[in-house]
Structures are given as structure tokens and as C-alpha cells.
Amino acid sequence: MTSVEEERPRALLAGASRRWVRLLPWAVAFVLCVALLPTTIVVLTADYGLNGSVAAGLAVAQAAPLLLAVVRPLQAWYVVFVADVAGALALLGVDFEERLLWPFPPMELVGYVGLCLALGLRERRRTLLLVWLATAAANVALGFVEPHSSGAKGLLFTILGGVALLLGGALRERSEVQRRLVEQETISEAERGRRTLLEERARIARELHDVVAHHMSVITVQADTAEYRLDTLPPDVREEFTSIAATARESLGEMRRLLGVLRNEEAHGELVPQPGLAQIGQLVEATARAGGSVEFTPCDVEVPEAVGLSAYRIVQEALANVVRHAPGARTQVSLSVSEPGPEAGARLIVLVVNGPPPEPPAGPLESSGTGHGLVGMRERVRIIGGTLDTGPLPDGGFRVAAQLPLIEKDFT
């Protein structure tokens, strides 16, 4: 059923947004048909002296197909073209004045020009060229049998038809270009929307990793070390802590896999207040409660929200890495402000340094990882115009150092 509907021809200008534009071809075709039908009969009989019945038949064949031209202009052209040529041949059998146009009287020219305009609005260049060549060939061929010398007037059929075909074709191609431009703009807008969505989902993935992975890692370490930190744990409680640690590890693995999907999609805006420098102390306390030794050097300075959030996330991820890869290691977290230099203003220095773990970890807390942590740090620092330096230390520890601009004009 759908294929039949697609093959059904559409009227000229049927895709126009305004109703009067869609009705315009029907109105023009109706006016031409109503005006040309009686005019052709009168002119052919009164001026050219053609038999009335023949004139009526030619008038119907030349004018009525103009209504069909609104939907099927090429089929209408076949009928009108044959009728016009037949009319020219019929006029050879009557004696008419030399001043009258031949082979195509004025009313036939008007109808044919309107038909060619409809053809130009619907058909492709190749079809229009073939129509014009057929028109010119018929005009030239009839010129060899013309009863009177008409000169250049005999070529009006070819000239006016060609102009109408050219004009209609130009309008059609211009409309096609505009339509494709609108489609391309729509596609581009959709692509821009999708790209924005993907970038936002990547941000959400980083936020989830920073927040959830940190706390889940702390829970795992606390559950694993409970039997060593707490004296005389009953066996059932020890088993409960073991179960908690196993469940936390499994949850971390599932979260990593889900973040792999979220990294390729998006969302919008922050819905809750974001942490900043003031909340870094809480991160340090939570890590210390997990059994680590953490020294914290705070810095009381006013920073833009973006800088505070980035500093918090960097410290959060760095401490989470310590808990995951070097549990129990001595760690130093410090915040300070550098002196302004000749090329850059004062900057917030975020430094997280940990030593080697007291004992090699029995195994990673997570069976697999996606490496979002350091990537997220670099992306945050890059966005606000800072620098990041990370890497292992000779003693087996690890160092994370970030320099973040303190004024928003540096963010670009």
C-alpha cells in the first residue's frame, strides 16, 4: 500500500507550505482551459475558416489537457503537442489571410507556453531538452510546407517554449537546492545536538567514576581490613565483612562496564551543588578511616567554582588510586598558591603524593578497569587552562601535581 502511495503523482507545488501556493497551479490551469477552449473554436472558425466540428475537436485536445498538466505534465504534453501539429496540418486545407500566424495560432502559443512551464517545474533536464528538440523539429519541419511566408514569427513556438522550459527548470532546481539546504541544516542541527549530548554523557561518566568509585573503594578496603583493625571479631561478623567486600568489588566491576557505555552518550546541567576546596578535608578523613596515613595541608583561598570542583575531583581520584593500588601507603595532600609569574597569574597547586604500600597488595580491588581516572583529570585540567603532571616515584610511590588558574580569563 505504501509503494502505491509513493508512485501516485503529486500536483505541482504540492509541497508548498502555504495553501494558496498549492492551489495556484490548479487555478492557472482552470483559467487557461476555460479561456482557451472557446477562444480556439472562435478563432479557428471565424478567422481561419476551419470547419466547426474540426475546430471544436482541436480546441478540446489543445486546452483540456492543461488540467492534466497539474499532475502529469509530460502526458499532457504528448496530447497537446500532437494536437498542435495536427491543427497546423488541418489549417493547410483552408485559405486564410497571410497576416494570421501559422503553423500555431496565438491561443495555441499561450497554452503551449503554460504547459512548458509546468514541464519545467516537474521534469529533469534531459526530458526538457528532448521536449524542446521535438518542438524545434516540428516547427522546422512545418516550415517547409507553410502556405505563406511568416519569417521569424513562425519560430515563436520554439522560442517561447524554450524560454518557458528554461524558466520552469530554473525554478525547480532552485527549489530543490533550497529543500536540500534545509534538510542539511536539519541534519547538521541534529548532529550538533547529538555531539552535545555525547559530551555531556562523558562528563556524567567522569562524575560517576570520581564519586562512586572512590566511595566503593573505601568501603571495600574498610571491609577487607576490619578483622585486622578490630579486635576479637566473631566469626559471623568476619564473614559478613568478607561478603561486603566481595559485593563491593563486584559492584565496582559492574560500574566500570556501565561507565564504558555512558562514555559514549549524554545528559544536561548540574542538578546538585558541586564540591570544592572546602570538602577536600572530608575526602582526606574518609581515606584515613580506611586505614591509610594521610597528611593534609589546606589552603584558604577564594577560587572560581570550576577550579574548586576540578581540585576536588583531582584529589578524590588520586586518593581513590592510593586506596586501590597502594593501600596503607603514607600520603600527602597539599593545596597552595604559587606566586604570579611574568606569563601567567597566580595558580592553585594541588599536590597528592603517596609512598609505596607497606605490603604488596594481594590483588587488585577490581578485576578490570577502564582508565577513566587519569583521563578525567587531564580533561578537567585542560578545560580550565591548567597543567597536570602525574607519574611514579623512584621509591615506588606515585605523584599527582596540578596547576589550576585562579582567574577565569585564564580558562581560555
Protein backbone atom coordinates (compact mmCIF):
# COMPACT_ATOMS: atom_id res chain seq x y z
CA MET A 1 0.00 0.00 0.00
CA THR A 2 2.87 2.34 0.80
CA SER A 3 4.54 1.75 -2.56
CA VAL A 4 1.30 2.59 -4.40
CA GLU A 5 1.03 5.85 -2.48
CA GLU A 6 4.63 6.71 -3.31
CA GLU A 7 4.03 6.13 -7.04
CA ARG A 8 0.93 8.30 -7.06
CA PRO A 9 1.88 11.56 -8.81
CA ARG A 10 1.75 14.74 -6.79
CA ALA A 11 0.38 18.01 -8.07
CA LEU A 12 2.74 20.84 -8.93
CA LEU A 13 3.82 22.85 -5.86
CA ALA A 14 2.08 20.27 -3.61
CA GLY A 15 4.94 20.54 -1.12
CA ALA A 16 4.49 24.30 -0.58
CA SER A 17 3.73 25.38 2.98
CA ARG A 18 1.05 27.89 2.02
CA ARG A 19 -2.31 26.67 0.80
CA TRP A 20 -2.77 29.36 -1.86
CA VAL A 21 0.56 28.36 -3.44
CA ARG A 22 -0.57 24.72 -3.61
CA LEU A 23 -3.84 25.77 -5.27
CA LEU A 24 -2.17 28.17 -7.72
CA PRO A 25 -1.35 25.57 -10.45
CA TRP A 26 -4.97 24.33 -10.44
CA ALA A 27 -6.29 27.89 -10.68
CA VAL A 28 -3.97 28.79 -13.58
CA ALA A 29 -4.78 25.56 -15.43
CA PHE A 30 -8.51 26.10 -14.97
CA VAL A 31 -8.35 29.71 -16.18
CA LEU A 32 -6.31 28.73 -19.24
CA CYS A 33 -8.63 25.88 -20.09
CA VAL A 34 -11.82 27.94 -19.70
CA ALA A 35 -10.36 30.88 -21.63
CA LEU A 36 -8.61 29.00 -24.44
CA LEU A 37 -11.32 26.41 -25.22
CA PRO A 38 -13.98 28.82 -26.61
CA THR A 39 -11.34 31.24 -27.95
CA THR A 40 -9.70 28.50 -30.02
CA ILE A 41 -13.04 27.44 -31.52
CA VAL A 42 -13.99 31.01 -32.43
CA VAL A 43 -10.57 31.93 -33.88
CA LEU A 44 -10.20 28.74 -35.90
CA THR A 45 -13.68 29.02 -37.39
CA ALA A 46 -14.13 32.79 -37.77
CA ASP A 47 -10.60 33.90 -38.64
CA TYR A 48 -9.03 30.82 -40.21
CA GLY A 49 -12.24 29.42 -41.77
CA LEU A 50 -11.82 25.92 -40.35
CA ASN A 51 -14.79 23.56 -40.12
CA GLY A 52 -16.62 23.98 -36.78
CA SER A 53 -16.52 20.34 -35.70
CA VAL A 54 -12.81 20.08 -36.54
CA ALA A 55 -12.13 23.33 -34.71
CA ALA A 56 -14.05 22.09 -31.65
CA GLY A 57 -12.13 18.79 -31.59
CA LEU A 58 -8.79 20.60 -31.88
CA ALA A 59 -9.78 23.08 -29.17
CA VAL A 60 -10.67 20.30 -26.74
CA ALA A 61 -7.44 18.38 -27.49
CA GLN A 62 -5.31 21.53 -27.08
CA ALA A 63 -6.96 23.09 -23.99
CA ALA A 64 -8.42 20.28 -21.85
CA PRO A 65 -5.05 18.52 -21.19
CA LEU A 66 -3.89 21.68 -19.41
CA LEU A 67 -5.84 20.46 -16.37
CA LEU A 68 -3.96 17.14 -16.54
CA ALA A 69 -0.68 19.07 -16.68
CA VAL A 70 -1.01 19.98 -13.00
CA VAL A 71 -0.44 16.32 -12.07
CA ARG A 72 1.05 14.70 -15.21
CA PRO A 73 2.60 17.46 -17.35
CA LEU A 74 4.57 15.10 -19.61
CA GLN A 75 1.49 13.04 -20.56
CA ALA A 76 -0.42 16.28 -21.16
CA TRP A 77 2.40 17.47 -23.42
CA TYR A 78 2.10 14.38 -25.63
CA VAL A 79 -1.58 15.14 -26.26
CA VAL A 80 -1.18 18.90 -26.75
CA PHE A 81 1.90 18.56 -28.96
CA VAL A 82 0.16 16.10 -31.29
CA ALA A 83 -2.98 18.27 -31.30
CA ASP A 84 -1.00 21.42 -32.18
CA VAL A 85 0.81 19.70 -35.05
CA ALA A 86 -2.49 18.22 -36.25
CA GLY A 87 -4.06 21.69 -36.10
CA ALA A 88 -1.24 23.14 -38.19
CA LEU A 89 -1.73 20.44 -40.81
CA ALA A 90 -5.51 20.98 -40.78
CA LEU A 91 -5.02 24.68 -41.49
CA LEU A 92 -3.19 23.80 -44.70
CA GLY A 93 -6.56 22.74 -46.13
CA VAL A 94 -8.18 26.16 -45.71
CA ASP A 95 -7.47 29.55 -47.23
CA PHE A 96 -6.67 32.09 -44.50
CA GLU A 97 -5.17 35.54 -44.61
CA GLU A 98 -1.42 35.95 -44.74
CA ARG A 99 -1.43 38.19 -41.64
CA LEU A 100 -2.57 35.30 -39.44
CA LEU A 101 0.03 33.24 -37.62
CA TRP A 102 0.83 29.77 -38.88
CA PRO A 103 1.54 26.95 -38.02
CA PHE A 104 0.45 27.78 -34.45
CA PRO A 105 -2.17 30.48 -33.79
CA PRO A 106 -1.76 32.77 -30.74
CA MET A 107 -4.09 30.81 -28.42
CA GLU A 108 -2.08 27.64 -29.08
CA LEU A 109 1.12 29.51 -28.22
CA VAL A 110 -0.35 30.65 -24.90
CA GLY A 111 -1.46 27.14 -23.93
CA TYR A 112 1.83 25.59 -25.03
CA VAL A 113 3.91 28.10 -23.05
CA GLY A 114 1.88 27.35 -19.92
CA LEU A 115 2.35 23.62 -20.50
CA CYS A 116 6.12 24.03 -20.95
CA LEU A 117 6.31 25.96 -17.68
CA ALA A 118 4.58 23.05 -15.91
CA LEU A 119 7.01 20.63 -17.55
CA GLY A 120 9.97 22.68 -16.34
CA LEU A 121 8.67 22.57 -12.76
CA ARG A 122 8.38 18.77 -12.77
CA GLU A 123 10.78 17.09 -15.23
CA ARG A 124 14.54 16.71 -15.31
CA ARG A 125 16.94 18.47 -17.66
CA ARG A 126 17.20 15.58 -20.10
CA THR A 127 13.43 15.39 -20.55
CA LEU A 128 13.18 19.16 -21.01
CA LEU A 129 15.90 19.07 -23.65
CA LEU A 130 14.12 16.30 -25.56
CA VAL A 131 10.83 18.24 -25.38
CA TRP A 132 12.47 21.35 -26.77
CA LEU A 133 14.21 19.40 -29.55
CA ALA A 134 10.86 17.84 -30.53
CA THR A 135 9.27 21.31 -30.53
CA ALA A 136 12.03 22.77 -32.70
CA ALA A 137 11.99 19.80 -35.08
CA ALA A 138 8.21 20.05 -35.59
CA ASN A 139 8.46 23.82 -36.09
CA VAL A 140 11.24 23.49 -38.67
CA ALA A 141 9.55 20.60 -40.49
CA LEU A 142 6.26 22.50 -40.80
CA GLY A 143 8.19 25.49 -42.13
CA PHE A 144 8.87 23.59 -45.35
CA VAL A 145 5.14 23.44 -46.16
CA GLU A 146 3.99 26.85 -44.90
CA PRO A 147 1.38 28.44 -47.18
CA HIS A 148 2.64 31.99 -46.58
CA SER A 149 5.98 33.48 -45.70
CA SER A 150 5.86 34.16 -41.97
CA GLY A 151 9.56 34.88 -41.34
CA ALA A 152 10.69 34.91 -37.72
CA LYS A 153 7.08 34.76 -36.46
CA GLY A 154 6.97 31.07 -37.34
CA LEU A 155 9.71 30.37 -34.76
CA LEU A 156 7.75 31.80 -31.82
CA PHE A 157 6.56 28.30 -30.93
CA THR A 158 10.15 27.12 -30.47
CA ILE A 159 11.48 30.29 -28.84
CA LEU A 160 8.68 30.80 -26.31
CA GLY A 161 8.51 27.09 -25.49
CA GLY A 162 12.25 27.01 -24.83
CA VAL A 163 12.08 30.09 -22.59
CA ALA A 164 9.23 28.54 -20.57
CA LEU A 165 11.09 25.23 -20.23
CA LEU A 166 14.23 27.06 -19.10
CA LEU A 167 12.36 29.22 -16.61
CA GLY A 168 10.45 26.30 -15.12
CA GLY A 169 13.60 24.20 -14.86
CA ALA A 170 15.48 27.01 -13.12
CA LEU A 171 12.68 27.46 -10.60
CA ARG A 172 12.53 23.72 -9.95
CA GLU A 173 16.28 23.40 -9.40
CA ARG A 174 16.33 26.44 -7.15
CA SER A 175 13.54 24.93 -5.07
CA GLU A 176 15.41 21.62 -4.96
CA VAL A 177 18.59 23.32 -3.76
CA GLN A 178 16.69 25.15 -1.03
CA ARG A 179 15.00 21.94 0.07
CA ARG A 180 18.31 20.10 0.29
CA LEU A 181 19.84 23.01 2.16
CA VAL A 182 17.04 22.88 4.72
CA GLU A 183 17.48 19.11 5.04
CA GLN A 184 21.23 19.51 5.50
CA GLU A 185 20.72 22.20 8.13
CA THR A 186 18.29 19.91 9.93
CA ILE A 187 20.80 17.06 9.82
CA SER A 188 23.61 19.36 10.99
CA GLU A 189 21.47 20.61 13.87
CA ALA A 190 20.69 17.03 14.87
CA GLU A 191 24.39 16.16 14.72
CA ARG A 192 25.26 19.18 16.85
CA GLY A 193 22.62 18.14 19.36
CA ARG A 194 23.94 14.58 19.43
CA ARG A 195 27.53 15.77 19.87
CA THR A 196 26.48 17.98 22.77
CA LEU A 197 24.63 15.03 24.25
CA LEU A 198 27.69 12.79 23.95
CA GLU A 199 29.95 15.35 25.58
CA GLU A 200 27.56 15.74 28.48
CA ARG A 201 27.28 11.98 28.97
CA ALA A 202 31.05 11.76 29.03
CA ARG A 203 31.01 14.36 31.80
CA ILE A 204 28.45 12.33 33.73
CA ALA A 205 30.61 9.22 33.31
CA ARG A 206 33.56 11.06 34.81
CA GLU A 207 31.44 12.36 37.70
CA LEU A 208 30.12 8.86 38.42
CA HIS A 209 33.62 7.45 38.33
CA ASP A 210 35.01 10.15 40.61
CA VAL A 211 32.25 9.85 43.20
CA VAL A 212 31.11 6.24 43.19
CA ALA A 213 34.44 4.52 42.55
CA HIS A 214 36.09 6.44 45.37
CA HIS A 215 33.47 5.57 47.97
CA MET A 216 33.10 1.97 46.81
CA SER A 217 36.88 1.52 47.01
CA VAL A 218 36.89 2.90 50.55
CA ILE A 219 34.07 0.53 51.52
CA THR A 220 35.99 -2.41 50.09
CA VAL A 221 39.18 -1.55 51.95
CA GLN A 222 37.31 -0.95 55.22
CA ALA A 223 35.54 -4.30 54.92
CA ASP A 224 38.77 -6.14 54.00
CA THR A 225 40.79 -4.65 56.85
CA ALA A 226 38.09 -4.80 59.52
CA GLU A 227 39.37 -8.07 61.00
CA TYR A 228 42.86 -6.55 61.42
CA ARG A 229 41.71 -3.20 62.78
CA LEU A 230 39.05 -4.51 65.15
CA ASP A 231 39.94 -6.96 67.89
CA THR A 232 38.01 -10.14 68.68
CA LEU A 233 35.59 -10.10 65.80
CA PRO A 234 33.11 -13.00 65.99
CA PRO A 235 33.34 -15.42 63.06
CA ASP A 236 29.91 -14.48 61.74
CA VAL A 237 30.82 -10.77 61.75
CA ARG A 238 34.12 -11.53 59.99
CA GLU A 239 32.18 -13.49 57.36
CA GLU A 240 29.78 -10.55 56.99
CA PHE A 241 32.65 -8.15 56.33
CA THR A 242 34.10 -10.57 53.76
CA SER A 243 30.74 -10.69 51.99
CA ILE A 244 30.53 -6.87 52.00
CA ALA A 245 34.00 -6.62 50.42
CA ALA A 246 33.13 -9.17 47.71
CA THR A 247 29.88 -7.40 46.90
CA ALA A 248 31.66 -4.05 46.70
CA ARG A 249 34.26 -5.47 44.28
CA GLU A 250 31.50 -6.89 42.10
CA SER A 251 29.67 -3.55 42.14
CA LEU A 252 32.86 -1.76 41.12
CA GLY A 253 33.26 -4.09 38.15
CA GLU A 254 29.65 -3.58 37.05
CA MET A 255 30.01 0.17 37.41
CA ARG A 256 33.12 0.16 35.22
CA ARG A 257 31.26 -1.68 32.46
CA LEU A 258 28.33 0.73 32.64
CA LEU A 259 30.67 3.71 32.51
CA GLY A 260 32.05 2.32 29.27
CA VAL A 261 28.56 2.83 27.78
CA LEU A 262 27.97 6.22 29.40
CA ARG A 263 31.25 7.47 27.96
CA ASN A 264 29.57 7.49 24.54
CA GLU A 265 26.34 9.35 25.36
CA GLU A 266 24.97 12.38 27.30
CA ALA A 267 22.68 14.46 29.60
CA HIS A 268 22.36 18.08 30.78
CA GLY A 269 23.37 20.51 33.54
CA GLU A 270 24.26 20.13 37.19
CA LEU A 271 21.27 19.45 39.46
CA VAL A 272 23.07 19.48 42.86
CA PRO A 273 25.70 21.79 44.41
CA GLN A 274 29.20 20.74 43.37
CA PRO A 275 32.01 20.17 45.91
CA GLY A 276 35.01 22.46 46.14
CA LEU A 277 38.13 23.12 48.21
CA ALA A 278 36.16 23.12 51.48
CA GLN A 279 35.16 19.48 51.00
CA ILE A 280 38.67 18.13 50.33
CA GLY A 281 39.26 17.70 54.07
CA GLN A 282 36.34 15.27 54.19
CA LEU A 283 37.96 13.18 51.46
CA VAL A 284 41.17 13.03 53.46
CA GLU A 285 39.32 11.97 56.64
CA ALA A 286 37.43 9.22 54.77
CA THR A 287 40.68 7.85 53.36
CA ALA A 288 42.34 7.94 56.77
CA ARG A 289 39.45 6.00 58.27
CA ALA A 290 40.08 3.30 55.67
CA GLY A 291 43.43 2.60 57.32
CA GLY A 292 45.76 4.94 55.46
CA SER A 293 48.01 7.65 56.83
CA VAL A 294 47.15 10.93 55.13
CA GLU A 295 48.62 14.35 55.86
CA PHE A 296 46.62 17.32 54.61
CA THR A 297 47.83 20.88 54.11
CA PRO A 298 44.80 23.06 53.31
CA CYS A 299 44.80 26.44 51.63
CA ASP A 300 42.32 29.16 52.48
CA VAL A 301 41.84 30.94 49.15
CA GLU A 302 38.85 32.03 47.12
CA VAL A 303 38.74 30.23 43.77
CA PRO A 304 36.19 30.09 40.92
CA GLU A 305 33.69 27.23 41.17
CA ALA A 306 35.22 25.41 38.19
CA VAL A 307 38.68 25.48 39.80
CA GLY A 308 37.34 24.27 43.15
CA LEU A 309 35.42 21.42 41.55
CA SER A 310 38.44 20.37 39.47
CA ALA A 311 40.73 20.43 42.51
CA TYR A 312 38.25 18.32 44.50
CA ARG A 313 37.89 15.74 41.71
CA ILE A 314 41.66 15.51 41.21
CA VAL A 315 42.27 14.86 44.92
CA GLN A 316 39.35 12.44 45.02
CA GLU A 317 40.67 10.41 42.12
CA ALA A 318 44.24 10.47 43.40
CA LEU A 319 43.18 9.21 46.85
CA ALA A 320 40.98 6.56 45.25
CA ASN A 321 44.01 5.35 43.29
CA VAL A 322 46.03 5.20 46.52
CA VAL A 323 43.33 3.09 48.17
CA ARG A 324 43.11 0.80 45.14
CA HIS A 325 46.77 0.36 44.27
CA ALA A 326 48.74 1.24 47.42
CA PRO A 327 46.51 0.56 50.47
CA GLY A 328 48.06 1.78 53.72
CA ALA A 329 50.68 3.94 51.99
CA ARG A 330 51.66 7.27 53.57
CA THR A 331 50.05 10.04 51.56
CA GLN A 332 50.47 13.79 51.49
CA VAL A 333 47.75 16.11 50.14
CA SER A 334 48.59 19.78 49.92
CA LEU A 335 46.95 22.87 48.46
CA SER A 336 48.94 26.06 47.90
CA VAL A 337 49.05 29.17 45.73
CA SER A 338 52.01 29.94 43.51
CA GLU A 339 53.47 33.37 43.00
CA PRO A 340 52.32 35.11 39.80
CA GLY A 341 54.86 34.90 37.01
CA PRO A 342 55.60 37.12 34.01
CA GLU A 343 53.50 34.98 31.65
CA ALA A 344 50.78 33.67 33.97
CA GLY A 345 48.97 34.81 37.09
CA ALA A 346 48.84 33.07 40.43
CA ARG A 347 47.84 29.43 40.32
CA LEU A 348 46.40 26.88 42.71
CA ILE A 349 48.85 24.00 43.24
CA VAL A 350 47.20 20.66 44.01
CA LEU A 351 49.69 18.00 45.06
CA VAL A 352 48.96 14.40 46.06
CA VAL A 353 51.99 12.21 46.74
CA ASN A 354 51.94 8.69 48.18
CA GLY A 355 54.72 6.34 49.09
CA PRO A 356 54.86 2.60 48.44
CA PRO A 357 52.37 0.37 50.25
CA PRO A 358 53.59 -1.26 53.49
CA GLU A 359 52.87 -4.65 51.97
CA PRO A 360 52.32 -5.60 48.34
CA PRO A 361 48.55 -5.83 47.76
CA ALA A 362 47.25 -9.39 47.50
CA GLY A 363 45.41 -8.41 44.33
CA PRO A 364 43.63 -5.51 42.71
CA LEU A 365 40.35 -4.47 44.24
CA GLU A 366 38.83 -4.55 40.76
CA SER A 367 39.35 -7.28 38.22
CA SER A 368 39.27 -4.82 35.31
CA GLY A 369 39.47 -1.07 34.77
CA THR A 370 38.74 1.46 32.11
CA GLY A 371 41.39 4.03 32.97
CA HIS A 372 38.88 6.85 33.30
CA GLY A 373 40.60 8.36 36.36
CA LEU A 374 43.72 9.95 34.85
CA VAL A 375 41.84 10.73 31.64
CA GLY A 376 39.21 12.57 33.64
CA MET A 377 41.91 14.53 35.49
CA ARG A 378 43.55 15.62 32.25
CA GLU A 379 40.24 16.63 30.68
CA ARG A 380 39.26 18.73 33.70
CA VAL A 381 42.64 20.46 33.84
CA ARG A 382 42.69 21.09 30.09
CA ILE A 383 39.20 22.62 30.08
CA ILE A 384 40.11 25.28 32.65
CA GLY A 385 43.54 26.01 31.16
CA GLY A 386 45.74 24.32 33.78
CA THR A 387 48.53 21.77 33.68
CA LEU A 388 48.81 18.25 35.10
CA ASP A 389 51.86 16.16 35.90
CA THR A 390 51.47 12.55 37.01
CA GLY A 391 53.88 9.66 37.30
CA PRO A 392 55.57 7.07 39.52
CA LEU A 393 58.32 7.96 42.01
CA PRO A 394 61.67 6.18 42.42
CA ASP A 395 60.66 4.72 45.80
CA GLY A 396 57.58 3.03 44.31
CA GLY A 397 55.11 5.75 45.16
CA PHE A 398 53.10 7.98 42.87
CA ARG A 399 52.77 11.73 42.38
CA VAL A 400 49.88 13.83 41.05
CA ALA A 401 50.52 17.56 40.63
CA ALA A 402 48.10 20.02 39.05
CA GLN A 403 48.35 23.76 38.49
CA LEU A 404 44.97 25.47 38.09
CA PRO A 405 44.44 29.13 37.14
CA LEU A 406 42.79 31.33 39.76
CA ILE A 407 41.17 33.82 37.41
CA GLU A 408 38.51 32.97 34.83
CA LYS A 409 40.19 34.82 31.99
CA ASP A 410 42.89 32.12 32.06
CA PHE A 411 40.32 29.41 31.34
CA THR A 412 40.51 30.00 27.60
